[in-house]
C-alpha cells in the first residue's frame, strides 16, 4: 500500500475529483439486439446482456459467444477498454452490473447493453463501478419487479472518483493481486475437498469389500423394511419432527410415524437407489420412501448404512423396475445381499468412515463460508481503496 500512498501524496495530495460518467465519456451508446438463435460457435465475437451477470467478472478479454454479423441488422461494436453495462435484470441489487473489455478483437454488443467509451484505465473504472457506493447509485429509484431496467441517462449520472492514471493503475494492480490470491485459495480448498472425498471413497471400498469367508445374508433377515404413509402436502414449515420425502430435503411434520434408528432411501424417481438419510429418533415418512430398520444385535445400523451407501446403488440399477418412472420393489430390497463381518470389524469400519465423513462434511460446509468471508474481505478492501478525499471539498 505504501506505493499507492506515495503516488497519492505526489499526484493528488489535495484530493481527487469525483465525476459523473457523463463527464468522462468519450461516447456512450446502446447495443443492438442479438437473438439466441443468432449465436454461433464461430464468427464475430459478441456479448449478450445476460452474460454480464452470469459469465463475466470485473474484466474479460475473450467473448464466450459469437455470431454471423451478416445476420445483424444494426451493428454496435465495442473495443478494447470499453465498459459494458447490463441495463436489464431481475434484481434491483445487481442492476447495471458492468465489466471491462480488455481483449484485442472488435466485438458486437447485444441489446440491453450500454457501452461506455472513455480515456481512463478500464479495469479501474470497472472496479470503481463495482463498489458498494456505486451499486447503491445504480439501484437508486429502481422498483423491485420481475424485470428491472436502467438506461443511458441513469448510467451517465453515476459518480465515481477519478484519480490520475498512475493512481488508477496502482489500485488495479493491488485489486488484481488480491483477486488472484483469493482465487488460488478457493482452488486449494476445493482441491482439498476433492482429495478427501477420493480418499474416503477409496477406504470405503477397501473396508467394505467382503472376504470370501464372510457370512452374507439377505437384507430381510436382519431388518424391518416398509414405506411410510404420509403425503408431501402434509408437511408444515416448523413441524416437530423430520419428514422424509424420497430424494428431497426433509420437510417437517407435527406427527411422527416411527421412533427408531433407520436408513431412508427413495422408492422411485430420479433419486431411486440412493441412500439419503440416517435417522435416530422420531420421524415421519413419505408413502413412496423406504425405511430400513436393523433388528438384530449382530449388525450395527451405522455399519449397514455405510455398506448400503457403497453397494446399494449398483445393485438397484441391475434389478430395479424400469417403467415410466424407475422404482424399487420390496422383493429387491428383501434380497439385497449384506456381508456380516464380526462386531470388532464393524466398529472399526464405522469409526474410520465416520471420521472421513466428518472431515468431508466440515470441508463441504467450510468451503462456502471461507469463500464468503474472502469475498467480504475483498469487498471491504476494494471499497476502502476507492474512497478518496474529495478535491476542494
Protein backbone atom coordinates (compact mmCIF):
# COMPACT_ATOMS: atom_id res chain seq x y z
CA UNK A 1 0.00 0.00 0.00
CA UNK A 2 2.98 2.39 0.54
CA UNK A 3 3.49 2.87 -3.22
CA UNK A 4 -0.17 3.86 -3.58
CA UNK A 5 0.15 6.32 -0.71
CA UNK A 6 3.28 7.77 -2.27
CA UNK A 7 1.50 8.23 -5.62
CA UNK A 8 -1.49 9.88 -3.95
CA UNK A 9 0.79 12.19 -1.98
CA UNK A 10 2.71 13.09 -5.14
CA UNK A 11 -0.11 13.38 -7.69
CA UNK A 12 -3.26 14.30 -5.77
CA UNK A 13 -2.34 15.46 -2.24
CA UNK A 14 -5.33 17.82 -2.09
CA UNK A 15 -7.86 15.14 -3.00
CA UNK A 16 -9.44 13.55 -6.03
CA UNK A 17 -12.16 14.84 -8.34
CA UNK A 18 -15.41 12.88 -8.34
CA UNK A 19 -17.01 12.94 -11.78
CA UNK A 20 -20.10 11.58 -13.46
CA UNK A 21 -19.69 9.02 -16.20
CA UNK A 22 -21.29 11.54 -18.50
CA UNK A 23 -18.33 13.87 -17.84
CA UNK A 24 -15.67 11.26 -18.62
CA UNK A 25 -17.48 9.58 -21.52
CA UNK A 26 -15.96 9.91 -24.99
CA UNK A 27 -19.04 8.09 -26.25
CA UNK A 28 -21.92 6.20 -24.65
CA UNK A 29 -24.42 4.14 -26.63
CA UNK A 30 -26.73 1.14 -26.52
CA UNK A 31 -26.03 -2.17 -28.16
CA UNK A 32 -28.34 -3.80 -30.66
CA UNK A 33 -30.36 -6.98 -30.28
CA UNK A 34 -28.66 -10.32 -30.90
CA UNK A 35 -31.13 -13.21 -30.61
CA UNK A 36 -30.25 -16.53 -29.06
CA UNK A 37 -30.73 -18.30 -32.38
CA UNK A 38 -28.15 -15.94 -33.93
CA UNK A 39 -25.39 -17.21 -31.63
CA UNK A 40 -22.84 -19.43 -33.39
CA UNK A 41 -19.69 -21.30 -32.39
CA UNK A 42 -17.51 -19.18 -34.67
CA UNK A 43 -17.77 -15.77 -36.27
CA UNK A 44 -17.68 -12.27 -34.81
CA UNK A 45 -17.32 -12.28 -31.01
CA UNK A 46 -20.28 -10.79 -29.18
CA UNK A 47 -21.81 -10.28 -25.74
CA UNK A 48 -25.47 -10.61 -24.79
CA UNK A 49 -26.57 -8.73 -21.66
CA UNK A 50 -27.32 -11.84 -19.57
CA UNK A 51 -23.70 -12.95 -19.91
CA UNK A 52 -22.56 -9.88 -17.99
CA UNK A 53 -24.43 -11.26 -14.97
CA UNK A 54 -23.55 -14.93 -15.40
CA UNK A 55 -20.20 -15.17 -17.19
CA UNK A 56 -18.00 -12.11 -16.92
CA UNK A 57 -16.32 -10.64 -13.85
CA UNK A 58 -14.74 -7.23 -13.36
CA UNK A 59 -12.98 -7.61 -16.70
CA UNK A 60 -12.70 -10.08 -19.59
CA UNK A 61 -10.58 -10.48 -22.70
CA UNK A 62 -12.42 -13.19 -24.64
CA UNK A 63 -16.10 -13.48 -25.60
CA UNK A 64 -17.86 -16.79 -24.99
CA UNK A 65 -20.36 -16.13 -27.78
CA UNK A 66 -20.05 -15.46 -31.50
CA UNK A 67 -22.42 -14.56 -34.31
CA UNK A 68 -22.54 -14.12 -38.06
CA UNK A 69 -22.53 -10.33 -38.28
CA UNK A 70 -24.22 -10.51 -41.69
CA UNK A 71 -27.41 -11.52 -39.83
CA UNK A 72 -27.28 -8.47 -37.53
CA UNK A 73 -29.16 -5.53 -39.00
CA UNK A 74 -27.91 -2.75 -36.72
CA UNK A 75 -24.35 -3.45 -35.62
CA UNK A 76 -22.97 -1.86 -32.45
CA UNK A 77 -19.30 -2.60 -31.81
CA UNK A 78 -17.21 -2.36 -28.68
CA UNK A 79 -13.41 -2.46 -28.46
CA UNK A 80 -10.51 -2.61 -26.01
CA UNK A 81 -11.16 -0.57 -22.86
CA UNK A 82 -14.91 -0.15 -23.25
CA UNK A 83 -17.16 -0.71 -20.21
CA UNK A 84 -20.31 -2.78 -20.79
CA UNK A 85 -23.39 -2.34 -18.56
CA UNK A 86 -26.32 -4.76 -18.45
CA UNK A 87 -29.32 -2.43 -18.19
CA UNK A 88 -31.98 -5.12 -17.80
CA UNK A 89 -32.02 -7.61 -14.95
CA UNK A 90 -34.05 -9.46 -12.35
CA UNK A 91 -32.61 -7.78 -9.26
CA UNK A 92 -32.55 -4.18 -8.08
CA UNK A 93 -29.39 -5.00 -6.12
CA UNK A 94 -27.49 -6.16 -9.24
CA UNK A 95 -28.94 -3.92 -11.94
CA UNK A 96 -26.42 -2.30 -14.32
CA UNK A 97 -23.64 -4.73 -13.41
CA UNK A 98 -20.68 -3.87 -15.58
CA UNK A 99 -17.48 -5.40 -16.95
CA UNK A 100 -14.43 -4.02 -18.75
CA UNK A 101 -13.35 -5.48 -22.07
CA UNK A 102 -9.55 -5.71 -22.42
CA UNK A 103 -9.36 -8.04 -25.41
CA UNK A 104 -7.91 -7.27 -28.82
CA UNK A 105 -10.83 -8.14 -31.12
CA UNK A 106 -13.63 -5.86 -32.21
CA UNK A 107 -16.88 -7.27 -30.83
CA UNK A 108 -20.63 -6.78 -31.11
CA UNK A 109 -22.76 -5.55 -28.19
CA UNK A 110 -26.20 -7.11 -27.86
CA UNK A 111 -29.41 -5.40 -26.87
CA UNK A 112 -29.95 -4.12 -23.29
CA UNK A 113 -26.25 -3.31 -23.05
CA UNK A 114 -24.85 0.21 -22.67
CA UNK A 115 -21.28 0.73 -23.86
CA UNK A 116 -19.13 3.43 -22.25
CA UNK A 117 -16.07 4.67 -24.17
CA UNK A 118 -13.56 6.75 -22.17
CA UNK A 119 -9.89 7.68 -21.63
CA UNK A 120 -9.41 6.15 -18.17
CA UNK A 121 -7.95 2.82 -17.08
CA UNK A 122 -10.73 0.32 -17.99
CA UNK A 123 -10.10 -2.05 -15.10
CA UNK A 124 -10.05 0.85 -12.66
CA UNK A 125 -13.44 2.08 -13.89
CA UNK A 126 -14.93 -1.40 -13.61
CA UNK A 127 -13.60 -1.83 -10.07
CA UNK A 128 -14.87 1.63 -9.10
CA UNK A 129 -18.28 0.86 -10.60
CA UNK A 130 -18.48 -2.36 -8.57
CA UNK A 131 -18.17 -0.73 -5.14
CA UNK A 132 -21.00 -0.69 -2.63
CA UNK A 133 -21.49 3.03 -3.19
CA UNK A 134 -21.64 2.69 -6.99
CA UNK A 135 -24.15 -0.16 -6.75
CA UNK A 136 -26.35 1.94 -4.45
CA UNK A 137 -26.33 4.64 -7.09
CA UNK A 138 -27.30 2.11 -9.79
CA UNK A 139 -30.15 0.76 -7.64
CA UNK A 140 -31.48 4.15 -6.52
CA UNK A 141 -35.07 4.70 -7.53
CA UNK A 142 -35.45 1.22 -9.03
CA UNK A 143 -38.57 -0.75 -8.08
CA UNK A 144 -38.46 -4.47 -7.36
CA UNK A 145 -40.32 -6.40 -10.03
CA UNK A 146 -39.80 -9.39 -12.31
CA UNK A 147 -37.71 -7.21 -14.66
CA UNK A 148 -35.64 -4.19 -13.58
CA UNK A 149 -34.42 -1.60 -16.09
CA UNK A 150 -31.78 1.11 -16.26
CA UNK A 151 -30.66 3.25 -19.21
CA UNK A 152 -28.15 5.72 -20.61
CA UNK A 153 -29.40 8.74 -18.57
CA UNK A 154 -29.03 6.80 -15.30
CA UNK A 155 -25.61 5.45 -16.31
CA UNK A 156 -24.37 8.95 -17.19
CA UNK A 157 -25.33 10.22 -13.71
CA UNK A 158 -23.17 7.69 -11.82
CA UNK A 159 -20.44 9.43 -9.81
CA UNK A 160 -17.04 7.85 -9.11
CA UNK A 161 -13.58 9.12 -8.09
CA UNK A 162 -11.22 9.82 -10.99
CA UNK A 163 -7.64 9.97 -9.67
CA UNK A 164 -4.64 10.40 -12.01
CA UNK A 165 -3.91 7.41 -14.25
CA UNK A 166 -0.83 6.20 -12.28
CA UNK A 167 -3.01 6.00 -9.15
CA UNK A 168 -5.72 4.14 -11.07
CA UNK A 169 -3.18 1.60 -12.35
CA UNK A 170 -1.70 1.01 -8.91
CA UNK A 171 -5.18 0.33 -7.49
CA UNK A 172 -5.81 -2.09 -10.35
CA UNK A 173 -2.54 -3.89 -9.58
CA UNK A 174 -3.47 -4.25 -5.89
CA UNK A 175 -7.01 -5.48 -6.58
CA UNK A 176 -5.91 -7.85 -9.36
CA UNK A 177 -3.35 -9.39 -6.98
CA UNK A 178 -5.93 -9.72 -4.21
CA UNK A 179 -8.40 -11.33 -6.63
CA UNK A 180 -5.76 -13.78 -7.86
CA UNK A 181 -4.76 -14.77 -4.31
CA UNK A 182 -8.41 -15.30 -3.37
CA UNK A 183 -8.99 -17.46 -6.46
CA UNK A 184 -5.92 -19.57 -5.67
CA UNK A 185 -7.11 -20.11 -2.09
CA UNK A 186 -10.53 -21.19 -3.32
CA UNK A 187 -8.92 -23.61 -5.78
CA UNK A 188 -6.76 -25.02 -2.99
CA UNK A 189 -9.75 -25.55 -0.70
CA UNK A 190 -11.77 -27.18 -3.49
CA UNK A 191 -8.83 -29.45 -4.36
CA UNK A 192 -8.50 -30.46 -0.70
CA UNK A 193 -12.19 -31.37 -0.59
CA UNK A 194 -11.89 -33.42 -3.80
CA UNK A 195 -8.82 -35.24 -2.46
CA UNK A 196 -10.53 -36.07 0.83
CA UNK A 197 -13.62 -37.37 -0.96
CA UNK A 198 -11.48 -39.62 -3.16
CA UNK A 199 -9.61 -40.83 -0.10
CA UNK A 200 -12.90 -41.54 1.66
CA UNK A 201 -14.24 -43.48 -1.36
CA UNK A 202 -11.02 -45.50 -1.57
CA UNK A 203 -11.13 -46.55 2.07
CA UNK A 204 -14.87 -47.17 1.95
CA UNK A 205 -14.50 -49.60 -0.95
CA UNK A 206 -11.46 -51.22 0.65
CA UNK A 207 -13.10 -51.65 4.05
CA UNK A 208 -16.47 -52.76 2.73
CA UNK A 209 -15.33 -55.33 0.17
CA UNK A 210 -16.44 -58.65 1.72
CA UNK A 211 -13.98 -61.51 2.08
CA UNK A 212 -14.77 -64.96 0.70
CA UNK A 213 -15.21 -66.33 4.24
CA UNK A 214 -17.67 -63.66 5.37
CA UNK A 215 -21.29 -64.57 6.03
CA UNK A 216 -23.69 -62.90 3.57
CA UNK A 217 -27.42 -62.69 4.30
CA UNK A 218 -30.40 -61.10 2.52
CA UNK A 219 -31.43 -57.76 3.99
CA UNK A 220 -34.83 -59.13 5.02
CA UNK A 221 -33.08 -61.42 7.53
CA UNK A 222 -31.64 -58.53 9.52
CA UNK A 223 -34.06 -55.62 9.03
CA UNK A 224 -37.63 -54.42 9.09
CA UNK A 225 -38.46 -52.75 5.77
CA UNK A 226 -41.51 -50.65 4.92
CA UNK A 227 -42.73 -47.44 3.33
CA UNK A 228 -44.36 -44.54 5.16
CA UNK A 229 -47.95 -43.37 4.99
CA UNK A 230 -47.58 -39.59 4.67
CA UNK A 231 -48.11 -37.37 1.62
CA UNK A 232 -45.96 -34.41 0.62
CA UNK A 233 -48.78 -31.92 1.23
CA UNK A 234 -48.82 -32.89 4.92
CA UNK A 235 -45.50 -31.13 5.54
CA UNK A 236 -45.53 -27.96 7.64
CA UNK A 237 -42.88 -25.26 7.92
CA UNK A 238 -41.99 -25.60 11.59
CA UNK A 239 -43.11 -29.10 12.45
CA UNK A 240 -41.75 -31.00 15.43
CA UNK A 241 -40.29 -33.95 13.52
CA UNK A 242 -38.34 -34.53 10.30
CA UNK A 243 -40.47 -35.77 7.43
CA UNK A 244 -38.50 -37.71 4.80
CA UNK A 245 -39.88 -37.27 1.28
CA UNK A 246 -37.98 -39.54 -1.12
CA UNK A 247 -35.00 -37.69 -2.62
CA UNK A 248 -35.93 -34.22 -1.35
CA UNK A 249 -34.51 -32.44 1.65
CA UNK A 250 -36.55 -33.39 4.73
CA UNK A 251 -39.77 -31.50 5.40
CA UNK A 252 -41.33 -31.22 8.87
CA UNK A 253 -44.46 -32.68 10.50
CA UNK A 254 -46.09 -32.37 13.88
CA UNK A 255 -46.87 -36.11 13.98
CA UNK A 256 -44.34 -38.94 13.74
CA UNK A 257 -44.72 -42.49 12.44
CA UNK A 258 -41.53 -44.12 13.73
CA UNK A 259 -39.17 -43.77 16.69
CA UNK A 260 -36.04 -45.76 15.85
CA UNK A 261 -32.70 -45.90 14.11
CA UNK A 262 -33.31 -46.21 10.37
CA UNK A 263 -31.83 -45.70 6.93
CA UNK A 264 -34.03 -43.88 4.39
CA UNK A 265 -33.96 -44.42 0.63
CA UNK A 266 -36.17 -43.21 -2.23
CA UNK A 267 -38.60 -45.73 -3.64
CA UNK A 268 -38.79 -44.20 -7.10
CA UNK A 269 -37.89 -41.20 -9.24
CA UNK A 270 -34.53 -39.64 -10.07
CA UNK A 271 -33.09 -40.47 -6.65
CA UNK A 272 -34.03 -44.14 -6.70
CA UNK A 273 -31.39 -46.34 -5.10
CA UNK A 274 -29.56 -43.52 -3.36
CA UNK A 275 -29.21 -43.64 0.41
CA UNK A 276 -30.38 -40.28 1.70
CA UNK A 277 -30.65 -40.27 5.46
CA UNK A 278 -29.59 -41.97 8.67
CA UNK A 279 -32.03 -41.10 11.44
CA UNK A 280 -32.04 -41.77 15.18
CA UNK A 281 -35.35 -40.84 16.81
CA UNK A 282 -38.84 -39.83 15.79
CA UNK A 283 -39.70 -39.12 12.18
CA UNK A 284 -42.41 -39.27 9.51
CA UNK A 285 -42.01 -40.97 6.14
CA UNK A 286 -43.46 -40.46 2.68
CA UNK A 287 -45.54 -43.31 1.29
CA UNK A 288 -43.05 -43.81 -1.56
CA UNK A 289 -39.89 -43.75 0.52
CA UNK A 290 -38.45 -46.79 2.31
CA UNK A 291 -37.23 -47.16 5.88
CA UNK A 292 -34.75 -49.88 6.76
CA UNK A 293 -34.52 -50.64 10.48
CA UNK A 294 -31.83 -53.12 11.55
CA UNK A 295 -33.46 -55.51 14.04
CA UNK A 296 -30.56 -57.73 15.11
CA UNK A 297 -27.66 -57.07 17.53
CA UNK A 298 -25.37 -58.84 15.06
CA UNK A 299 -25.30 -55.77 12.81
CA UNK A 300 -24.51 -52.18 13.73
CA UNK A 301 -27.01 -49.88 11.97
CA UNK A 302 -24.21 -47.46 11.19
CA UNK A 303 -22.16 -50.24 9.60
CA UNK A 304 -25.12 -51.20 7.43
CA UNK A 305 -25.64 -47.53 6.49
CA UNK A 306 -22.07 -47.29 5.17
CA UNK A 307 -22.35 -50.60 3.36
CA UNK A 308 -25.63 -49.64 1.73
CA UNK A 309 -24.15 -46.35 0.53
CA UNK A 310 -21.28 -48.28 -1.02
CA UNK A 311 -23.10 -51.14 -2.74
CA UNK A 312 -26.83 -50.47 -2.96
CA UNK A 313 -26.94 -48.15 -5.97
CA UNK A 314 -25.18 -50.57 -8.32
CA UNK A 315 -27.40 -53.40 -7.04
CA UNK A 316 -30.58 -51.40 -7.67
CA UNK A 317 -29.50 -50.35 -11.17
CA UNK A 318 -29.28 -54.03 -12.07
CA UNK A 319 -32.60 -55.03 -10.51
CA UNK A 320 -34.94 -52.01 -10.40
CA UNK A 321 -38.25 -51.87 -12.23
CA UNK A 322 -37.86 -49.86 -15.44
CA UNK A 323 -41.21 -48.26 -16.20
CA UNK A 324 -42.13 -44.67 -16.99
CA UNK A 325 -40.54 -43.95 -13.60
CA UNK A 326 -37.72 -46.15 -12.27
CA UNK A 327 -38.73 -47.72 -8.95
CA UNK A 328 -37.76 -50.22 -6.26
CA UNK A 329 -39.99 -53.19 -5.43
CA UNK A 330 -39.99 -54.72 -1.95
CA UNK A 331 -38.56 -58.09 -3.11
CA UNK A 332 -35.47 -56.26 -4.43
CA UNK A 333 -34.85 -54.74 -1.01
CA UNK A 334 -35.54 -58.02 0.76
CA UNK A 335 -32.97 -59.83 -1.37
CA UNK A 336 -30.18 -57.21 -1.13
CA UNK A 337 -27.10 -59.23 -0.01
CA UNK A 338 -25.38 -57.87 3.11
CA UNK A 339 -21.98 -59.17 4.31
CA UNK A 340 -21.75 -59.54 8.10
CA UNK A 341 -18.20 -59.15 9.47
CA UNK A 342 -17.54 -59.66 13.18
CA UNK A 343 -18.52 -56.87 15.58
CA UNK A 344 -14.95 -55.63 16.06
CA UNK A 345 -14.56 -55.20 12.29
CA UNK A 346 -17.90 -53.42 12.03
CA UNK A 347 -16.89 -50.99 14.78
CA UNK A 348 -13.57 -50.29 13.06
CA UNK A 349 -15.30 -49.64 9.73
CA UNK A 350 -17.78 -47.27 11.36
CA UNK A 351 -15.03 -45.36 13.17
CA UNK A 352 -12.88 -44.88 10.07
CA UNK A 353 -15.72 -43.94 7.71
CA UNK A 354 -17.47 -41.68 10.21
CA UNK A 355 -14.20 -39.80 10.67
CA UNK A 356 -13.81 -39.36 6.91
CA UNK A 357 -17.42 -38.23 6.62
CA UNK A 358 -16.88 -35.64 9.34
CA UNK A 359 -13.79 -34.27 7.57
CA UNK A 360 -15.61 -34.08 4.22
CA UNK A 361 -18.66 -32.51 5.86
CA UNK A 362 -16.52 -29.87 7.59
CA UNK A 363 -14.77 -29.07 4.31
CA UNK A 364 -18.05 -29.01 2.38
CA UNK A 365 -19.70 -26.60 4.82
CA UNK A 366 -16.49 -24.66 5.42
CA UNK A 367 -15.71 -24.01 1.76
CA UNK A 368 -18.72 -21.75 1.04
CA UNK A 369 -18.17 -19.99 4.37
CA UNK A 370 -14.50 -19.38 3.58
CA UNK A 371 -15.33 -18.14 0.09
CA UNK A 372 -17.99 -15.80 1.53
CA UNK A 373 -15.52 -14.48 4.11
CA UNK A 374 -12.89 -13.85 1.44
CA UNK A 375 -15.47 -12.10 -0.74
CA UNK A 376 -16.43 -9.80 2.14
CA UNK A 377 -12.77 -9.12 2.83
CA UNK A 378 -12.19 -8.32 -0.84
CA UNK A 379 -15.22 -6.01 -0.97
CA UNK A 380 -14.07 -4.21 2.19
CA UNK A 381 -10.58 -3.52 0.85
CA UNK A 382 -11.88 -2.64 -2.61
CA UNK A 383 -14.28 -0.07 -1.16
CA UNK A 384 -11.55 1.33 1.11
CA UNK A 385 -9.07 1.65 -1.78
CA UNK A 386 -11.62 3.52 -3.84
CA UNK A 387 -12.52 6.10 -1.22
CA UNK A 388 -10.63 9.38 -1.61
CA UNK A 389 -10.58 12.79 -0.09
CA UNK A 390 -12.73 14.94 -2.36
CA UNK A 391 -10.77 17.73 -4.01
CA UNK A 392 -11.85 21.23 -2.94
CA UNK A 393 -14.43 19.77 -0.55
